C-alpha atoms as a PDB file:
ATOM      1  CA  MET A   1     -12.718  28.679  11.252  1.00  0.00           C
ATOM      2  CA  ARG A   2     -13.847  32.008  10.830  1.00  0.00           C
ATOM      3  CA  TYR A   3     -15.812  33.067   8.051  1.00  0.00           C
ATOM      4  CA  PRO A   4     -14.817  36.435   6.573  1.00  0.00           C
ATOM      5  CA  ASN A   5     -16.211  39.301   8.393  1.00  0.00           C
ATOM      6  CA  ASN A   6     -17.224  37.602  10.654  1.00  0.00           C
ATOM      7  CA  PRO A   7     -14.929  37.762  14.071  1.00  0.00           C
ATOM      8  CA  ILE A   8     -16.743  35.204  16.145  1.00  0.00           C
ATOM      9  CA  LEU A   9     -14.885  31.580  15.291  1.00  0.00           C
ATOM     10  CA  HIS A  10     -16.741  28.077  14.436  1.00  0.00           C
ATOM     11  CA  VAL A  11     -15.267  24.449  15.569  1.00  0.00           C
ATOM     12  CA  LEU A  12     -16.394  22.516  12.305  1.00  0.00           C
ATOM     13  CA  ASP A  13     -16.150  18.692  12.773  1.00  0.00           C
ATOM     14  CA  PRO A  14     -13.294  16.859  12.335  1.00  0.00           C
ATOM     15  CA  LEU A  15     -14.300  13.581  10.763  1.00  0.00           C
ATOM     16  CA  ALA A  16     -16.907  15.786   8.690  1.00  0.00           C
ATOM     17  CA  THR A  17     -15.445  15.684   5.066  1.00  0.00           C
ATOM     18  CA  VAL A  18     -15.592  19.211   3.167  1.00  0.00           C
ATOM     19  CA  SER A  19     -18.857  20.152   2.048  1.00  0.00           C
ATOM     20  CA  ASP A  20     -21.147  19.042   5.210  1.00  0.00           C
ATOM     21  CA  ALA A  21     -18.721  20.681   7.394  1.00  0.00           C
ATOM     22  CA  GLY A  22     -19.588  24.266   6.294  1.00  0.00           C
ATOM     23  CA  LEU A  23     -16.558  24.910   4.879  1.00  0.00           C
ATOM     24  CA  SER A  24     -16.376  27.605   2.079  1.00  0.00           C
ATOM     25  CA  SER A  25     -14.563  29.669   0.093  1.00  0.00           C
ATOM     26  CA  GLY A  26     -13.059  33.006   2.005  1.00  0.00           C
ATOM     27  CA  CYS A  27     -12.945  31.333   4.851  1.00  0.00           C
ATOM     28  CA  TRP A  28      -9.731  31.665   7.647  1.00  0.00           C
ATOM     29  CA  VAL A  29      -9.006  27.835   8.880  1.00  0.00           C
ATOM     30  CA  GLU A  30      -6.895  27.201  11.426  1.00  0.00           C
ATOM     31  CA  THR A  31      -5.359  23.493  13.197  1.00  0.00           C
ATOM     32  CA  ILE A  32      -5.877  23.318  16.790  1.00  0.00           C
ATOM     33  CA  GLN A  33      -6.984  19.804  18.990  1.00  0.00           C
ATOM     34  CA  PRO A  34     -10.624  19.663  20.505  1.00  0.00           C
ATOM     35  CA  SER A  35      -9.286  20.927  24.246  1.00  0.00           C
ATOM     36  CA  GLN A  36      -8.513  24.024  22.855  1.00  0.00           C
ATOM     37  CA  ALA A  37     -11.623  24.956  22.025  1.00  0.00           C
ATOM     38  CA  ASP A  38     -13.382  28.328  24.135  1.00  0.00           C
ATOM     39  CA  ALA A  39     -16.706  28.955  25.450  1.00  0.00           C
ATOM     40  CA  SER A  40     -17.521  30.995  23.120  1.00  0.00           C
ATOM     41  CA  ASP A  41     -16.377  29.310  19.686  1.00  0.00           C
ATOM     42  CA  VAL A  42     -19.774  28.207  18.019  1.00  0.00           C
ATOM     43  CA  PHE A  43     -19.992  24.185  17.172  1.00  0.00           C
ATOM     44  CA  LEU A  44     -21.345  23.873  13.581  1.00  0.00           C
ATOM     45  CA  TYR A  45     -21.412  20.246  15.127  1.00  0.00           C
ATOM     46  CA  GLN A  46     -23.033  19.266  18.597  1.00  0.00           C
ATOM     47  CA  ARG A  47     -23.911  15.199  19.978  1.00  0.00           C
ATOM     48  CA  ALA A  48     -27.116  14.139  19.081  1.00  0.00           C
ATOM     49  CA  ALA A  49     -26.455  10.363  20.099  1.00  0.00           C
ATOM     50  CA  THR A  50     -24.641   8.190  22.285  1.00  0.00           C
ATOM     51  CA  ALA A  51     -23.804   4.857  20.622  1.00  0.00           C
ATOM     52  CA  SER A  52     -21.729   3.017  24.506  1.00  0.00           C
ATOM     53  CA  ILE A  53     -19.746  -0.283  23.526  1.00  0.00           C
ATOM     54  CA  LEU A  54     -21.761  -3.769  25.791  1.00  0.00           C
ATOM     55  CA  ARG A  55     -19.852  -6.518  25.096  1.00  0.00           C
ATOM     56  CA  GLY A  56     -16.704  -6.840  22.689  1.00  0.00           C
ATOM     57  CA  PRO A  57     -12.856  -6.086  22.857  1.00  0.00           C
ATOM     58  CA  GLN A  58     -13.821  -2.088  24.292  1.00  0.00           C
ATOM     59  CA  ALA A  59     -16.432  -2.847  26.361  1.00  0.00           C
ATOM     60  CA  GLY A  60     -17.978   0.456  28.029  1.00  0.00           C
ATOM     61  CA  GLN A  61     -16.403   3.049  25.755  1.00  0.00           C
ATOM     62  CA  GLN A  62     -18.719   5.882  24.347  1.00  0.00           C
ATOM     63  CA  PHE A  63     -18.504   7.443  21.181  1.00  0.00           C
ATOM     64  CA  ALA A  64     -20.644  10.531  20.556  1.00  0.00           C
ATOM     65  CA  LEU A  65     -22.768  10.833  17.284  1.00  0.00           C
ATOM     66  CA  VAL A  66     -23.820  13.637  15.147  1.00  0.00           C
ATOM     67  CA  THR A  67     -26.881  14.141  12.884  1.00  0.00           C
ATOM     68  CA  GLY A  68     -26.613  12.223   9.459  1.00  0.00           C
ATOM     69  CA  PRO A  69     -24.331   9.928   8.913  1.00  0.00           C
ATOM     70  CA  ASN A  70     -22.017   7.922  11.573  1.00  0.00           C
ATOM     71  CA  VAL A  71     -19.411   5.399   9.858  1.00  0.00           C
ATOM     72  CA  VAL A  72     -18.907   2.244  11.950  1.00  0.00           C
ATOM     73  CA  GLY A  73     -15.993  -0.012  10.977  1.00  0.00           C
ATOM     74  CA  ARG A  74     -11.719  -0.302  11.962  1.00  0.00           C
ATOM     75  CA  GLY A  75     -10.538   2.252   9.344  1.00  0.00           C
ATOM     76  CA  ARG A  76      -9.453   5.771   9.880  1.00  0.00           C
ATOM     77  CA  GLY A  77     -12.273   8.638   9.753  1.00  0.00           C
ATOM     78  CA  CYS A  78     -15.030   6.118  11.481  1.00  0.00           C
ATOM     79  CA  ARG A  79     -16.968   8.087  14.035  1.00  0.00           C
ATOM     80  CA  ILE A  80     -17.194   4.806  15.516  1.00  0.00           C
ATOM     81  CA  GLN A  81     -13.527   3.387  14.940  1.00  0.00           C
ATOM     82  CA  LEU A  82     -13.704   0.133  16.197  1.00  0.00           C
ATOM     83  CA  ILE A  83     -10.603  -2.871  16.882  1.00  0.00           C
ATOM     84  CA  ASP A  84     -12.797  -5.496  16.392  1.00  0.00           C
ATOM     85  CA  GLU A  85     -11.342  -7.983  13.628  1.00  0.00           C
ATOM     86  CA  THR A  86     -13.926  -8.827  12.351  1.00  0.00           C
ATOM     87  CA  VAL A  87     -15.184  -5.767  11.741  1.00  0.00           C
ATOM     88  CA  SER A  88     -14.549  -4.120   8.477  1.00  0.00           C
ATOM     89  CA  ARG A  89     -12.397  -1.174   7.783  1.00  0.00           C
ATOM     90  CA  ALA A  90     -16.668   0.042   6.624  1.00  0.00           C
ATOM     91  CA  HIS A  91     -18.644  -1.870   7.954  1.00  0.00           C
ATOM     92  CA  ALA A  92     -21.614  -0.147   8.379  1.00  0.00           C
ATOM     93  CA  THR A  93     -23.714   3.706   9.108  1.00  0.00           C
ATOM     94  CA  ILE A  94     -26.009   4.422  12.155  1.00  0.00           C
ATOM     95  CA  ASP A  95     -27.497   7.717  10.084  1.00  0.00           C
ATOM     96  CA  ILE A  96     -28.860   9.749  13.339  1.00  0.00           C
ATOM     97  CA  GLY A  97     -32.002  11.846  11.619  1.00  0.00           C
ATOM     98  CA  ALA A  98     -35.635  11.672  12.768  1.00  0.00           C
ATOM     99  CA  ALA A  99     -35.329   8.578  13.135  1.00  0.00           C
ATOM    100  CA  ILE A 100     -31.779   6.508  13.578  1.00  0.00           C
ATOM    101  CA  THR A 101     -31.759   4.081  10.901  1.00  0.00           C
ATOM    102  CA  VAL A 102     -28.486   1.294  10.813  1.00  0.00           C
ATOM    103  CA  THR A 103     -27.417  -0.009   7.518  1.00  0.00           C
ATOM    104  CA  ASP A 104     -25.423  -1.789   5.521  1.00  0.00           C
ATOM    105  CA  LEU A 105     -21.951  -1.052   3.916  1.00  0.00           C
ATOM    106  CA  ASP A 106     -21.835  -3.997   2.228  1.00  0.00           C
ATOM    107  CA  SER A 107     -19.501  -5.796   4.991  1.00  0.00           C
ATOM    108  CA  GLY A 108     -18.853  -9.451   4.741  1.00  0.00           C
ATOM    109  CA  ASN A 109     -20.965 -10.284   7.921  1.00  0.00           C
ATOM    110  CA  GLY A 110     -22.915  -7.617   7.712  1.00  0.00           C
ATOM    111  CA  PRO A 111     -24.538  -5.276  10.981  1.00  0.00           C
ATOM    112  CA  TYR A 112     -27.059  -7.355  13.119  1.00  0.00           C
ATOM    113  CA  ILE A 113     -30.758  -5.547  14.747  1.00  0.00           C
ATOM    114  CA  ASP A 114     -31.118  -8.245  17.712  1.00  0.00           C
ATOM    115  CA  GLU A 115     -29.551 -11.029  16.114  1.00  0.00           C
ATOM    116  CA  ARG A 116     -31.170 -10.480  13.209  1.00  0.00           C
ATOM    117  CA  ARG A 117     -28.987  -9.792  10.097  1.00  0.00           C
ATOM    118  CA  ALA A 118     -30.269  -6.692   8.604  1.00  0.00           C
ATOM    119  CA  VAL A 119     -29.191  -4.354   5.009  1.00  0.00           C
ATOM    120  CA  SER A 120     -31.283  -1.183   6.918  1.00  0.00           C
ATOM    121  CA  GLY A 121     -33.462  -1.296   9.875  1.00  0.00           C
ATOM    122  CA  PRO A 122     -34.228   1.054  12.010  1.00  0.00           C
ATOM    123  CA  VAL A 123     -33.595   1.328  16.275  1.00  0.00           C
ATOM    124  CA  THR A 124     -33.754   2.500  19.461  1.00  0.00           C
ATOM    125  CA  ALA A 125     -32.303   2.780  22.008  1.00  0.00           C
ATOM    126  CA  ALA A 126     -34.500  -1.209  23.181  1.00  0.00           C
ATOM    127  CA  ASN A 127     -32.103  -2.310  20.223  1.00  0.00           C
ATOM    128  CA  LEU A 128     -29.337  -4.562  20.638  1.00  0.00           C
ATOM    129  CA  ILE A 129     -26.966  -3.662  17.575  1.00  0.00           C
ATOM    130  CA  SER A 130     -24.447  -6.065  16.454  1.00  0.00           C
ATOM    131  CA  VAL A 131     -21.239  -5.533  13.751  1.00  0.00           C
ATOM    132  CA  GLY A 132     -18.344  -7.947  14.172  1.00  0.00           C
ATOM    133  CA  ASP A 133     -18.352  -9.468  17.611  1.00  0.00           C
ATOM    134  CA  THR A 134     -19.110  -6.100  19.043  1.00  0.00           C
ATOM    135  CA  VAL A 135     -22.737  -5.211  20.494  1.00  0.00           C
ATOM    136  CA  LEU A 136     -23.659  -1.466  21.037  1.00  0.00           C
ATOM    137  CA  VAL A 137     -26.656   0.559  22.350  1.00  0.00           C
ATOM    138  CA  VAL A 138     -27.552   3.881  21.386  1.00  0.00           C
ATOM    139  CA  THR A 139     -29.444   6.466  22.562  1.00  0.00           C
ATOM    140  CA  ARG A 140     -30.186  10.369  21.303  1.00  0.00           C
ATOM    141  CA  GLU A 141     -29.769  13.062  23.300  1.00  0.00           C
ATOM    142  CA  SER A 142     -32.293  14.877  24.806  1.00  0.00           C
ATOM    143  CA  SER A 143     -31.816  18.481  23.847  1.00  0.00           C
ATOM    144  CA  VAL A 144     -29.527  18.863  20.592  1.00  0.00           C
ATOM    145  CA  ALA A 145     -28.603  22.271  19.401  1.00  0.00           C
ATOM    146  CA  HIS A 146     -27.637  21.849  16.148  1.00  0.00           C
ATOM    147  CA  VAL A 147     -25.962  25.281  13.308  1.00  0.00           C
ATOM    148  CA  SER A 148     -27.811  23.663  10.376  1.00  0.00           C
ATOM    149  CA  PRO A 149     -26.423  25.062   7.516  1.00  0.00           C
ATOM    150  CA  SER A 150     -29.359  28.006   7.232  1.00  0.00           C
ATOM    151  CA  ASN A 151     -28.823  29.345  10.278  1.00  0.00           C
ATOM    152  CA  ARG A 152     -24.630  29.439   9.604  1.00  0.00           C
ATOM    153  CA  PRO A 153     -23.069  33.209   9.630  1.00  0.00           C
ATOM    154  CA  GLU A 154     -24.661  34.941   6.299  1.00  0.00           C
ATOM    155  CA  ALA A 155     -21.515  37.078   5.917  1.00  0.00           C
ATOM    156  CA  VAL A 156     -19.960  33.678   3.700  1.00  0.00           C
ATOM    157  CA  VAL A 157     -18.016  34.379   0.181  1.00  0.00           C
ATOM    158  CA  GLU A 158     -18.932  31.138  -1.758  1.00  0.00           C
ATOM    159  CA  PHE A 159     -16.249  32.847  -4.427  1.00  0.00           C
ATOM    160  CA  ALA A 160     -13.359  34.633  -4.144  1.00  0.00           C
ATOM    161  CA  ARG A 161     -13.291  36.114  -6.906  1.00  0.00           C
ATOM    162  CA  SER A 162     -15.619  37.432  -9.913  1.00  0.00           C
ATOM    163  CA  PRO A 163     -15.555  34.172 -12.995  1.00  0.00           C
ATOM    164  CA  ARG A 164     -13.236  34.713 -15.422  1.00  0.00           C
ATOM    165  CA  GLY A 165     -13.854  34.033 -19.217  1.00  0.00           C
ATOM    166  CA  ASP A 166     -10.314  32.010 -20.799  1.00  0.00           C
ATOM    167  CA  VAL A 167      -9.574  32.872 -24.144  1.00  0.00           C
ATOM    168  CA  ARG A 168     -10.740  30.296 -27.034  1.00  0.00           C
ATOM    169  CA  PHE A 169      -7.909  30.162 -29.291  1.00  0.00           C
ATOM    170  CA  GLY A 170      -8.188  29.286 -32.614  1.00  0.00           C
ATOM    171  CA  ALA A 171      -7.413  26.098 -34.590  1.00  0.00           C
ATOM    172  CA  GLN A 172      -3.935  25.723 -36.019  1.00  0.00           C
ATOM    173  CA  LYS A 173      -3.026  22.712 -39.186  1.00  0.00           C
ATOM    174  CA  LEU A 174       0.452  22.115 -38.516  1.00  0.00           C
ATOM    175  CA  ALA A 175       1.740  19.508 -41.646  1.00  0.00           C
ATOM    176  CA  ALA A 176       2.752  15.964 -40.527  1.00  0.00           C
ATOM    177  CA  PRO A 177       6.358  15.210 -40.884  1.00  0.00           C
ATOM    178  CA  VAL A 178       7.117  12.085 -42.908  1.00  0.00           C
ATOM    179  CA  PRO A 179       7.355   8.723 -41.616  1.00  0.00           C
ATOM    180  CA  PRO A 180      10.476   7.255 -42.441  1.00  0.00           C
ATOM    181  CA  GLN A 181      11.434   5.139 -45.161  1.00  0.00           C
ATOM    182  CA  ARG A 182      11.717   0.902 -44.455  1.00  0.00           C
ATOM    183  CA  LEU A 183      15.264  -0.139 -45.108  1.00  0.00           C
ATOM    184  CA  GLU A 184      16.102  -2.191 -48.002  1.00  0.00           C
ATOM    185  CA  PRO A 185      17.091  -5.919 -46.230  1.00  0.00           C
ATOM    186  CA  GLN A 186      20.528  -6.181 -47.224  1.00  0.00           C
ATOM    187  CA  LYS A 187      21.858 -10.100 -48.468  1.00  0.00           C
ATOM    188  CA  PHE A 188      24.584 -11.989 -46.454  1.00  0.00           C
ATOM    189  CA  PRO A 189      27.773 -12.113 -47.862  1.00  0.00           C
ATOM    190  CA  ILE A 190      28.293 -16.032 -48.628  1.00  0.00           C
ATOM    191  CA  GLN A 191      31.082 -15.296 -50.879  1.00  0.00           C
ATOM    192  CA  ARG A 192      32.974 -13.103 -48.796  1.00  0.00           C
ATOM    193  CA  THR A 193      32.817 -15.725 -45.669  1.00  0.00           C
ATOM    194  CA  LEU A 194      33.621 -18.564 -47.807  1.00  0.00           C
ATOM    195  CA  VAL A 195      36.896 -16.806 -49.882  1.00  0.00           C
ATOM    196  CA  ARG A 196      37.959 -15.746 -45.716  1.00  0.00           C
ATOM    197  CA  GLY A 197      37.247 -19.101 -44.433  1.00  0.00           C
ATOM    198  CA  ARG A 198      39.192 -20.604 -47.244  1.00  0.00           C
ATOM    199  CA  ALA A 199      42.555 -17.829 -46.343  1.00  0.00           C
ATOM    200  CA  ALA A 200      42.129 -19.434 -43.351  1.00  0.00           C
ATOM    201  CA  PHE A 201      41.878 -23.278 -44.105  1.00  0.00           C
ATOM    202  CA  HIS A 202      45.236 -22.938 -45.653  1.00  0.00           C
ATOM    203  CA  HIS A 203      46.839 -21.025 -43.734  1.00  0.00           C
ATOM    204  CA  CYS A 204      46.641 -23.681 -41.247  1.00  0.00           C
ATOM    205  CA  SER A 205      47.635 -26.176 -43.148  1.00  0.00           C
ATOM    206  CA  ALA A 206      50.812 -24.169 -44.039  1.00  0.00           C
ATOM    207  CA  VAL A 207      51.480 -23.749 -39.778  1.00  0.00           C
ATOM    208  CA  TRP A 208      50.171 -27.043 -39.394  1.00  0.00           C
ATOM    209  CA  PRO A 209      53.899 -29.145 -40.033  1.00  0.00           C
ATOM    210  CA  ALA A 210      55.590 -26.837 -37.669  1.00  0.00           C
ATOM    211  CA  LEU A 211      53.328 -28.108 -34.340  1.00  0.00           C
ATOM    212  CA  ALA A 212      54.709 -31.340 -35.210  1.00  0.00           C
ATOM    213  CA  GLY A 213      57.676 -30.278 -32.698  1.00  0.00           C
ATOM    214  CA  ARG A 214      57.848 -27.942 -29.854  1.00  0.00           C
ATOM    215  CA  PRO A 215      55.013 -25.034 -30.046  1.00  0.00           C
ATOM    216  CA  ARG A 216      56.573 -21.958 -30.476  1.00  0.00           C
ATOM    217  CA  PRO A 217      55.581 -18.836 -29.031  1.00  0.00           C
ATOM    218  CA  GLY A 218      55.494 -16.727 -32.126  1.00  0.00           C
ATOM    219  CA  LEU A 219      53.091 -19.936 -33.895  1.00  0.00           C
ATOM    220  CA  LEU A 220      50.833 -19.518 -30.600  1.00  0.00           C
ATOM    221  CA  ARG A 221      50.140 -15.697 -31.669  1.00  0.00           C
ATOM    222  CA  GLU A 222      49.561 -16.819 -34.789  1.00  0.00           C
ATOM    223  CA  LEU A 223      47.346 -18.968 -34.303  1.00  0.00           C
ATOM    224  CA  ARG A 224      45.165 -16.956 -32.101  1.00  0.00           C
ATOM    225  CA  GLN A 225      44.325 -14.279 -34.557  1.00  0.00           C
ATOM    226  CA  PRO A 226      40.984 -13.883 -35.006  1.00  0.00           C
ATOM    227  CA  LEU A 227      40.073 -15.090 -38.729  1.00  0.00           C
END
């Protein structure tokens, strides 16, 4: 990322939110892989601690932790992303500050500190942290060169343009449309139905004697006519 009027490139934390990463209006941003960063680039995040997996599906693996909250879980975006099926998507946070604190994120089985379930509690390198079937320890880095927001470049444009006030339009009253009227109920044409039924009865009575013998196609077509 490049701040306005500043040629030095800065590398943002890929797992931080937009507000915490240092991104502001007017910045020029390019997506790169961590391995593509140059030695002259300024990293806006540094490793503050290391989480080492002692037991579990990922035993022997290490994760870099930064200052602030670090989410532990199976979900995407977790700084400590585990493949342990007994771990929630967002299981707990490991907050790196003046002290290292482990906090539960309403997980199903909660984090444990030295085999004791804890909603929130401080830990050191001597404490074992258990999440599901995974056991890990957190050790703080000896020297951390963290770039705080106050030490970031001064050439940051908080707003790319001046504020603009939209014109407020006056209210306009419109006449409401007339709703449609309810239709009057129509009576069932019982008299017409009876007249048609009587005529059909006489018609069938007139052609019925002809059916005593061999039926003819002309009479059948006449009987198939709708009543």
